[in-house]
PDB file of N, CA and C in Angstrom:
ATOM      1  N   MET A   1     -34.413  40.199 185.068  1.00  0.00           N
ATOM      2  CA  MET A   1     -34.726  39.133 186.023  1.00  0.00           C
ATOM      3  C   MET A   1     -35.818  38.236 185.452  1.00  0.00           C
ATOM      4  N   GLU A   2     -36.863  38.814 184.922  1.00  0.00           N
ATOM      5  CA  GLU A   2     -37.983  38.034 184.384  1.00  0.00           C
ATOM      6  C   GLU A   2     -37.535  37.163 183.213  1.00  0.00           C
ATOM      7  N   ALA A   3     -36.659  37.666 182.364  1.00  0.00           N
ATOM      8  CA  ALA A   3     -36.179  36.894 181.220  1.00  0.00           C
ATOM      9  C   ALA A   3     -35.406  35.662 181.692  1.00  0.00           C
ATOM     10  N   ARG A   4     -34.620  35.813 182.749  1.00  0.00           N
ATOM     11  CA  ARG A   4     -33.853  34.691 183.276  1.00  0.00           C
ATOM     12  C   ARG A   4     -34.771  33.594 183.818  1.00  0.00           C
ATOM     13  N   VAL A   5     -35.800  34.001 184.526  1.00  0.00           N
ATOM     14  CA  VAL A   5     -36.733  33.030 185.100  1.00  0.00           C
ATOM     15  C   VAL A   5     -37.493  32.303 183.994  1.00  0.00           C
ATOM     16  N   SER A   6     -37.986  33.028 183.004  1.00  0.00           N
ATOM     17  CA  SER A   6     -38.737  32.377 181.937  1.00  0.00           C
ATOM     18  C   SER A   6     -37.825  31.510 181.073  1.00  0.00           C
ATOM     19  N   ASP A   7     -36.547  31.898 180.932  1.00  0.00           N
ATOM     20  CA  ASP A   7     -35.582  31.093 180.191  1.00  0.00           C
ATOM     21  C   ASP A   7     -35.362  29.757 180.912  1.00  0.00           C
ATOM     22  N   LEU A   8     -35.218  29.799 182.225  1.00  0.00           N
ATOM     23  CA  LEU A   8     -35.051  28.590 183.015  1.00  0.00           C
ATOM     24  C   LEU A   8     -36.297  27.711 182.912  1.00  0.00           C
ATOM     25  N   LYS A   9     -37.458  28.333 182.982  1.00  0.00           N
ATOM     26  CA  LYS A   9     -38.713  27.577 182.879  1.00  0.00           C
ATOM     27  C   LYS A   9     -38.812  26.893 181.513  1.00  0.00           C
ATOM     28  N   LYS A  10     -38.399  27.583 180.455  1.00  0.00           N
ATOM     29  CA  LYS A  10     -38.430  26.989 179.115  1.00  0.00           C
ATOM     30  C   LYS A  10     -37.476  25.804 179.037  1.00  0.00           C
ATOM     31  N   LYS A  11     -36.262  25.961 179.574  1.00  0.00           N
ATOM     32  CA  LYS A  11     -35.292  24.865 179.589  1.00  0.00           C
ATOM     33  C   LYS A  11     -35.847  23.671 180.374  1.00  0.00           C
ATOM     34  N   PHE A  12     -36.517  23.976 181.488  1.00  0.00           N
ATOM     35  CA  PHE A  12     -37.128  22.952 182.338  1.00  0.00           C
ATOM     36  C   PHE A  12     -38.202  22.189 181.553  1.00  0.00           C
ATOM     37  N   GLU A  13     -39.058  22.914 180.864  1.00  0.00           N
ATOM     38  CA  GLU A  13     -40.121  22.285 180.068  1.00  0.00           C
ATOM     39  C   GLU A  13     -39.533  21.478 178.906  1.00  0.00           C
ATOM     40  N   ASP A  14     -38.496  22.014 178.277  1.00  0.00           N
ATOM     41  CA  ASP A  14     -37.827  21.292 177.188  1.00  0.00           C
ATOM     42  C   ASP A  14     -37.192  19.997 177.709  1.00  0.00           C
ATOM     43  N   ALA A  15     -36.586  20.073 178.890  1.00  0.00           N
ATOM     44  CA  ALA A  15     -35.962  18.886 179.485  1.00  0.00           C
ATOM     45  C   ALA A  15     -37.022  17.841 179.833  1.00  0.00           C
ATOM     46  N   ALA A  16     -38.184  18.298 180.310  1.00  0.00           N
ATOM     47  CA  ALA A  16     -39.269  17.370 180.645  1.00  0.00           C
ATOM     48  C   ALA A  16     -39.758  16.639 179.398  1.00  0.00           C
ATOM     49  N   ALA A  17     -39.765  17.326 178.267  1.00  0.00           N
ATOM     50  CA  ALA A  17     -40.160  16.689 177.002  1.00  0.00           C
ATOM     51  C   ALA A  17     -39.050  15.747 176.524  1.00  0.00           C
ATOM     52  N   ALA A  18     -37.804  16.162 176.677  1.00  0.00           N
ATOM     53  CA  ALA A  18     -36.662  15.374 176.209  1.00  0.00           C
ATOM     54  C   ALA A  18     -36.512  14.072 176.995  1.00  0.00           C
ATOM     55  N   VAL A  19     -36.846  14.106 178.264  1.00  0.00           N
ATOM     56  CA  VAL A  19     -36.662  12.911 179.107  1.00  0.00           C
ATOM     57  C   VAL A  19     -37.553  11.762 178.621  1.00  0.00           C
ATOM     58  N   LYS A  20     -38.661  12.083 178.023  1.00  0.00           N
ATOM     59  CA  LYS A  20     -39.573  11.060 177.501  1.00  0.00           C
ATOM     60  C   LYS A  20     -39.025  10.393 176.246  1.00  0.00           C
ATOM     61  N   LYS A  21     -38.021  11.026 175.628  1.00  0.00           N
ATOM     62  CA  LYS A  21     -37.466  10.514 174.374  1.00  0.00           C
ATOM     63  C   LYS A  21     -36.088   9.880 174.557  1.00  0.00           C
ATOM     64  N   LEU A  22     -35.673   9.678 175.798  1.00  0.00           N
ATOM     65  CA  LEU A  22     -34.365   9.070 176.040  1.00  0.00           C
ATOM     66  C   LEU A  22     -34.306   7.697 175.379  1.00  0.00           C
ATOM     67  N   LYS A  23     -33.179   7.409 174.762  1.00  0.00           N
ATOM     68  CA  LYS A  23     -33.013   6.142 174.058  1.00  0.00           C
ATOM     69  C   LYS A  23     -32.802   4.979 175.026  1.00  0.00           C
ATOM     70  N   GLU A  24     -32.170   5.247 176.158  1.00  0.00           N
ATOM     71  CA  GLU A  24     -31.901   4.203 177.134  1.00  0.00           C
ATOM     72  C   GLU A  24     -32.624   4.494 178.441  1.00  0.00           C
ATOM     73  N   ASP A  25     -33.079   3.429 179.082  1.00  0.00           N
ATOM     74  CA  ASP A  25     -33.709   3.535 180.395  1.00  0.00           C
ATOM     75  C   ASP A  25     -32.628   3.905 181.409  1.00  0.00           C
ATOM     76  N   PRO A  26     -32.778   5.035 182.111  1.00  0.00           N
ATOM     77  CA  PRO A  26     -31.734   5.457 183.047  1.00  0.00           C
ATOM     78  C   PRO A  26     -31.708   4.662 184.356  1.00  0.00           C
ATOM     79  N   GLY A  27     -32.673   3.801 184.573  1.00  0.00           N
ATOM     80  CA  GLY A  27     -32.725   3.021 185.815  1.00  0.00           C
ATOM     81  C   GLY A  27     -33.600   3.685 186.865  1.00  0.00           C
ATOM     82  N   ASN A  28     -34.038   2.895 187.819  1.00  0.00           N
ATOM     83  CA  ASN A  28     -34.990   3.381 188.820  1.00  0.00           C
ATOM     84  C   ASN A  28     -34.455   4.500 189.700  1.00  0.00           C
ATOM     85  N   ASP A  29     -33.180   4.423 190.110  1.00  0.00           N
ATOM     86  CA  ASP A  29     -32.626   5.464 190.983  1.00  0.00           C
ATOM     87  C   ASP A  29     -32.635   6.824 190.289  1.00  0.00           C
ATOM     88  N   VAL A  30     -32.239   6.838 189.022  1.00  0.00           N
ATOM     89  CA  VAL A  30     -32.215   8.094 188.268  1.00  0.00           C
ATOM     90  C   VAL A  30     -33.646   8.566 187.998  1.00  0.00           C
ATOM     91  N   LYS A  31     -34.536   7.638 187.712  1.00  0.00           N
ATOM     92  CA  LYS A  31     -35.943   8.017 187.492  1.00  0.00           C
ATOM     93  C   LYS A  31     -36.520   8.669 188.746  1.00  0.00           C
ATOM     94  N   LEU A  32     -36.181   8.148 189.913  1.00  0.00           N
ATOM     95  CA  LEU A  32     -36.662   8.753 191.162  1.00  0.00           C
ATOM     96  C   LEU A  32     -36.071  10.144 191.352  1.00  0.00           C
ATOM     97  N   GLN A  33     -34.794  10.316 190.988  1.00  0.00           N
ATOM     98  CA  GLN A  33     -34.167  11.644 191.059  1.00  0.00           C
ATOM     99  C   GLN A  33     -34.885  12.611 190.129  1.00  0.00           C
ATOM    100  N   LEU A  34     -35.135  12.163 188.908  1.00  0.00           N
ATOM    101  CA  LEU A  34     -35.838  13.001 187.933  1.00  0.00           C
ATOM    102  C   LEU A  34     -37.223  13.384 188.452  1.00  0.00           C
ATOM    103  N   TYR A  35     -37.931  12.400 188.982  1.00  0.00           N
ATOM    104  CA  TYR A  35     -39.272  12.643 189.525  1.00  0.00           C
ATOM    105  C   TYR A  35     -39.224  13.691 190.638  1.00  0.00           C
ATOM    106  N   ALA A  36     -38.302  13.485 191.572  1.00  0.00           N
ATOM    107  CA  ALA A  36     -38.205  14.386 192.722  1.00  0.00           C
ATOM    108  C   ALA A  36     -37.866  15.808 192.295  1.00  0.00           C
ATOM    109  N   LEU A  37     -36.894  15.948 191.415  1.00  0.00           N
ATOM    110  CA  LEU A  37     -36.500  17.289 190.961  1.00  0.00           C
ATOM    111  C   LEU A  37     -37.610  17.943 190.152  1.00  0.00           C
ATOM    112  N   PHE A  38     -38.317  17.148 189.338  1.00  0.00           N
ATOM    113  CA  PHE A  38     -39.423  17.699 188.562  1.00  0.00           C
ATOM    114  C   PHE A  38     -40.526  18.201 189.489  1.00  0.00           C
ATOM    115  N   LYS A  39     -40.897  17.388 190.464  1.00  0.00           N
ATOM    116  CA  LYS A  39     -41.965  17.777 191.395  1.00  0.00           C
ATOM    117  C   LYS A  39     -41.550  18.999 192.222  1.00  0.00           C
ATOM    118  N   GLN A  40     -40.294  19.009 192.684  1.00  0.00           N
ATOM    119  CA  GLN A  40     -39.814  20.142 193.477  1.00  0.00           C
ATOM    120  C   GLN A  40     -39.789  21.407 192.625  1.00  0.00           C
ATOM    121  N   GLY A  41     -39.365  21.270 191.369  1.00  0.00           N
ATOM    122  CA  GLY A  41     -39.288  22.422 190.477  1.00  0.00           C
ATOM    123  C   GLY A  41     -40.646  22.948 190.055  1.00  0.00           C
ATOM    124  N   SER A  42     -41.624  22.072 189.977  1.00  0.00           N
ATOM    125  CA  SER A  42     -42.941  22.516 189.518  1.00  0.00           C
ATOM    126  C   SER A  42     -43.921  22.796 190.660  1.00  0.00           C
ATOM    127  N   GLU A  43     -43.779  22.088 191.789  1.00  0.00           N
ATOM    128  CA  GLU A  43     -44.752  22.242 192.873  1.00  0.00           C
ATOM    129  C   GLU A  43     -44.170  22.737 194.193  1.00  0.00           C
ATOM    130  N   GLY A  44     -42.875  22.562 194.382  1.00  0.00           N
ATOM    131  CA  GLY A  44     -42.272  22.946 195.661  1.00  0.00           C
ATOM    132  C   GLY A  44     -42.186  21.743 196.587  1.00  0.00           C
ATOM    133  N   ASP A  45     -42.117  22.001 197.885  1.00  0.00           N
ATOM    134  CA  ASP A  45     -41.936  20.935 198.868  1.00  0.00           C
ATOM    135  C   ASP A  45     -43.066  19.908 198.839  1.00  0.00           C
ATOM    136  N   VAL A  46     -42.694  18.671 199.151  1.00  0.00           N
ATOM    137  CA  VAL A  46     -43.640  17.566 199.195  1.00  0.00           C
ATOM    138  C   VAL A  46     -44.749  17.879 200.200  1.00  0.00           C
ATOM    139  N   ALA A  47     -45.954  17.435 199.873  1.00  0.00           N
ATOM    140  CA  ALA A  47     -47.101  17.656 200.749  1.00  0.00           C
ATOM    141  C   ALA A  47     -47.887  16.362 200.855  1.00  0.00           C
ATOM    142  N   GLY A  48     -48.728  16.278 201.842  1.00  0.00           N
ATOM    143  CA  GLY A  48     -49.567  15.096 202.007  1.00  0.00           C
ATOM    144  C   GLY A  48     -48.882  14.027 202.831  1.00  0.00           C
ATOM    145  N   LYS A  49     -49.620  12.945 203.015  1.00  0.00           N
ATOM    146  CA  LYS A  49     -49.115  11.839 203.822  1.00  0.00           C
ATOM    147  C   LYS A  49     -48.285  10.886 202.978  1.00  0.00           C
ATOM    148  N   ARG A  50     -47.313  10.273 203.616  1.00  0.00           N
ATOM    149  CA  ARG A  50     -46.483   9.258 202.964  1.00  0.00           C
ATOM    150  C   ARG A  50     -47.365   8.027 202.710  1.00  0.00           C
ATOM    151  N   PRO A  51     -47.331   7.484 201.489  1.00  0.00           N
ATOM    152  CA  PRO A  51     -48.139   6.292 201.199  1.00  0.00           C
ATOM    153  C   PRO A  51     -47.761   5.126 202.111  1.00  0.00           C
ATOM    154  N   GLY A  52     -48.706   4.238 202.322  1.00  0.00           N
ATOM    155  CA  GLY A  52     -48.481   3.073 203.182  1.00  0.00           C
ATOM    156  C   GLY A  52     -47.523   2.079 202.566  1.00  0.00           C
ATOM    157  N   PHE A  53     -47.120   1.089 203.363  1.00  0.00           N
ATOM    158  CA  PHE A  53     -46.103   0.130 202.912  1.00  0.00           C
ATOM    159  C   PHE A  53     -46.575  -0.751 201.767  1.00  0.00           C
ATOM    160  N   THR A  54     -47.867  -0.823 201.506  1.00  0.00           N
ATOM    161  CA  THR A  54     -48.356  -1.632 200.383  1.00  0.00           C
ATOM    162  C   THR A  54     -48.184  -0.919 199.048  1.00  0.00           C
ATOM    163  N   ASP A  55     -47.974   0.391 199.084  1.00  0.00           N
ATOM    164  CA  ASP A  55     -47.759   1.177 197.859  1.00  0.00           C
ATOM    165  C   ASP A  55     -46.269   1.501 197.765  1.00  0.00           C
ATOM    166  N   MET A  56     -45.480   0.504 197.355  1.00  0.00           N
ATOM    167  CA  MET A  56     -44.020   0.680 197.357  1.00  0.00           C
ATOM    168  C   MET A  56     -43.557   1.737 196.360  1.00  0.00           C
ATOM    169  N   ILE A  57     -44.194   1.803 195.199  1.00  0.00           N
ATOM    170  CA  ILE A  57     -43.790   2.800 194.194  1.00  0.00           C
ATOM    171  C   ILE A  57     -44.130   4.203 194.680  1.00  0.00           C
ATOM    172  N   GLY A  58     -45.341   4.391 195.164  1.00  0.00           N
ATOM    173  CA  GLY A  58     -45.749   5.693 195.695  1.00  0.00           C
ATOM    174  C   GLY A  58     -44.873   6.129 196.853  1.00  0.00           C
ATOM    175  N   ARG A  59     -44.522   5.172 197.674  1.00  0.00           N
ATOM    176  CA  ARG A  59     -43.671   5.454 198.835  1.00  0.00           C
ATOM    177  C   ARG A  59     -42.267   5.875 198.385  1.00  0.00           C
ATOM    178  N   ALA A  60     -41.707   5.177 197.405  1.00  0.00           N
ATOM    179  CA  ALA A  60     -40.376   5.516 196.889  1.00  0.00           C
ATOM    180  C   ALA A  60     -40.385   6.912 196.271  1.00  0.00           C
ATOM    181  N   LYS A  61     -41.438   7.230 195.515  1.00  0.00           N
ATOM    182  CA  LYS A  61     -41.547   8.566 194.909  1.00  0.00           C
ATOM    183  C   LYS A  61     -41.646   9.641 195.992  1.00  0.00           C
ATOM    184  N   TYR A  62     -42.495   9.386 196.984  1.00  0.00           N
ATOM    185  CA  TYR A  62     -42.675  10.347 198.078  1.00  0.00           C
ATOM    186  C   TYR A  62     -41.343  10.590 198.791  1.00  0.00           C
ATOM    187  N   ASP A  63     -40.629   9.494 199.107  1.00  0.00           N
ATOM    188  CA  ASP A  63     -39.353   9.611 199.826  1.00  0.00           C
ATOM    189  C   ASP A  63     -38.317  10.375 199.005  1.00  0.00           C
ATOM    190  N   ALA A  64     -38.266  10.105 197.695  1.00  0.00           N
ATOM    191  CA  ALA A  64     -37.318  10.810 196.828  1.00  0.00           C
ATOM    192  C   ALA A  64     -37.629  12.303 196.804  1.00  0.00           C
ATOM    193  N   TRP A  65     -38.911  12.639 196.683  1.00  0.00           N
ATOM    194  CA  TRP A  65     -39.324  14.038 196.652  1.00  0.00           C
ATOM    195  C   TRP A  65     -39.026  14.701 197.998  1.00  0.00           C
ATOM    196  N   ALA A  66     -39.266  13.988 199.084  1.00  0.00           N
ATOM    197  CA  ALA A  66     -39.041  14.550 200.420  1.00  0.00           C
ATOM    198  C   ALA A  66     -37.568  14.927 200.626  1.00  0.00           C
ATOM    199  N   LYS A  67     -36.646  14.227 199.955  1.00  0.00           N
ATOM    200  CA  LYS A  67     -35.217  14.536 200.083  1.00  0.00           C
ATOM    201  C   LYS A  67     -34.857  15.899 199.494  1.00  0.00           C
ATOM    202  N   THR A  68     -35.719  16.445 198.635  1.00  0.00           N
ATOM    203  CA  THR A  68     -35.444  17.750 198.031  1.00  0.00           C
ATOM    204  C   THR A  68     -36.090  18.890 198.813  1.00  0.00           C
ATOM    205  N   LYS A  69     -36.733  18.574 199.924  1.00  0.00           N
ATOM    206  CA  LYS A  69     -37.436  19.577 200.718  1.00  0.00           C
ATOM    207  C   LYS A  69     -36.516  20.742 201.061  1.00  0.00           C
ATOM    208  N   GLY A  70     -37.007  21.952 200.859  1.00  0.00           N
ATOM    209  CA  GLY A  70     -36.245  23.157 201.162  1.00  0.00           C
ATOM    210  C   GLY A  70     -35.475  23.703 199.971  1.00  0.00           C
ATOM    211  N   MET A  71     -35.336  22.894 198.922  1.00  0.00           N
ATOM    212  CA  MET A  71     -34.645  23.348 197.714  1.00  0.00           C
ATOM    213  C   MET A  71     -35.583  24.316 196.976  1.00  0.00           C
ATOM    214  N   SER A  72     -35.032  25.416 196.476  1.00  0.00           N
ATOM    215  CA  SER A  72     -35.875  26.367 195.748  1.00  0.00           C
ATOM    216  C   SER A  72     -36.333  25.748 194.427  1.00  0.00           C
ATOM    217  N   LYS A  73     -37.442  26.241 193.916  1.00  0.00           N
ATOM    218  CA  LYS A  73     -37.947  25.752 192.634  1.00  0.00           C
ATOM    219  C   LYS A  73     -36.914  25.982 191.536  1.00  0.00           C
ATOM    220  N   ASP A  74     -36.281  27.156 191.536  1.00  0.00           N
ATOM    221  CA  ASP A  74     -35.271  27.471 190.516  1.00  0.00           C
ATOM    222  C   ASP A  74     -34.100  26.498 190.571  1.00  0.00           C
ATOM    223  N   GLU A  75     -33.622  26.210 191.777  1.00  0.00           N
ATOM    224  CA  GLU A  75     -32.502  25.284 191.924  1.00  0.00           C
ATOM    225  C   GLU A  75     -32.898  23.885 191.449  1.00  0.00           C
ATOM    226  N   ALA A  76     -34.104  23.449 191.803  1.00  0.00           N
ATOM    227  CA  ALA A  76     -34.580  22.126 191.382  1.00  0.00           C
ATOM    228  C   ALA A  76     -34.711  22.063 189.863  1.00  0.00           C
ATOM    229  N   MET A  77     -35.217  23.132 189.251  1.00  0.00           N
ATOM    230  CA  MET A  77     -35.354  23.157 187.795  1.00  0.00           C
ATOM    231  C   MET A  77     -33.979  23.052 187.134  1.00  0.00           C
ATOM    232  N   LYS A  78     -33.008  23.801 187.666  1.00  0.00           N
ATOM    233  CA  LYS A  78     -31.655  23.783 187.094  1.00  0.00           C
ATOM    234  C   LYS A  78     -31.039  22.390 187.222  1.00  0.00           C
ATOM    235  N   LYS A  79     -31.167  21.776 188.389  1.00  0.00           N
ATOM    236  CA  LYS A  79     -30.622  20.436 188.597  1.00  0.00           C
ATOM    237  C   LYS A  79     -31.313  19.416 187.695  1.00  0.00           C
ATOM    238  N   TYR A  80     -32.609  19.580 187.486  1.00  0.00           N
ATOM    239  CA  TYR A  80     -33.360  18.691 186.602  1.00  0.00           C
ATOM    240  C   TYR A  80     -32.832  18.808 185.168  1.00  0.00           C
ATOM    241  N   VAL A  81     -32.686  20.041 184.698  1.00  0.00           N
ATOM    242  CA  VAL A  81     -32.178  20.290 183.339  1.00  0.00           C
ATOM    243  C   VAL A  81     -30.776  19.686 183.186  1.00  0.00           C
ATOM    244  N   ASP A  82     -29.917  19.899 184.173  1.00  0.00           N
ATOM    245  CA  ASP A  82     -28.550  19.368 184.121  1.00  0.00           C
ATOM    246  C   ASP A  82     -28.548  17.842 184.109  1.00  0.00           C
ATOM    247  N   LEU A  83     -29.423  17.226 184.900  1.00  0.00           N
ATOM    248  CA  LEU A  83     -29.491  15.761 184.950  1.00  0.00           C
ATOM    249  C   LEU A  83     -29.973  15.196 183.611  1.00  0.00           C
ATOM    250  N   VAL A  84     -30.993  15.816 183.034  1.00  0.00           N
ATOM    251  CA  VAL A  84     -31.502  15.354 181.741  1.00  0.00           C
ATOM    252  C   VAL A  84     -30.418  15.483 180.670  1.00  0.00           C
ATOM    253  N   LYS A  85     -29.686  16.606 180.687  1.00  0.00           N
ATOM    254  CA  LYS A  85     -28.592  16.789 179.726  1.00  0.00           C
ATOM    255  C   LYS A  85     -27.538  15.696 179.898  1.00  0.00           C
ATOM    256  N   SER A  86     -27.218  15.343 181.135  1.00  0.00           N
ATOM    257  CA  SER A  86     -26.199  14.321 181.388  1.00  0.00           C
ATOM    258  C   SER A  86     -26.640  12.948 180.886  1.00  0.00           C
ATOM    259  N   LEU A  87     -27.942  12.761 180.728  1.00  0.00           N
ATOM    260  CA  LEU A  87     -28.488  11.489 180.228  1.00  0.00           C
ATOM    261  C   LEU A  87     -28.608  11.479 178.712  1.00  0.00           C
ATOM    262  N   GLY A  88     -28.249  12.607 178.089  1.00  0.00           N
ATOM    263  CA  GLY A  88     -28.315  12.696 176.638  1.00  0.00           C
ATOM    264  C   GLY A  88     -29.624  13.263 176.121  1.00  0.00           C
ATOM    265  N   GLY A  89     -30.391  13.874 177.019  1.00  0.00           N
ATOM    266  CA  GLY A  89     -31.690  14.436 176.616  1.00  0.00           C
ATOM    267  C   GLY A  89     -31.626  15.882 176.263  1.00  0.00           C
TER     268      GLY A  89
END
């Protein structure tokens, strides 16, 4: 069991490094998905207050992360790794 969890964590960390080296910009929607899955996989459910309407980027990130609420860290890590692979990372 422990080997499986650490293997997933390694893949997750490798994917996080690979995403920074993508040759093409995946676009804002995909970036928000990546952000949300990364945060859910590393920190769990979103916490804190939603940023105000003047912080549109912070608000978009918060909303994307909030959509993953309830997803397990392992599931979020797996989805993150799969998404990065689909982008060529």
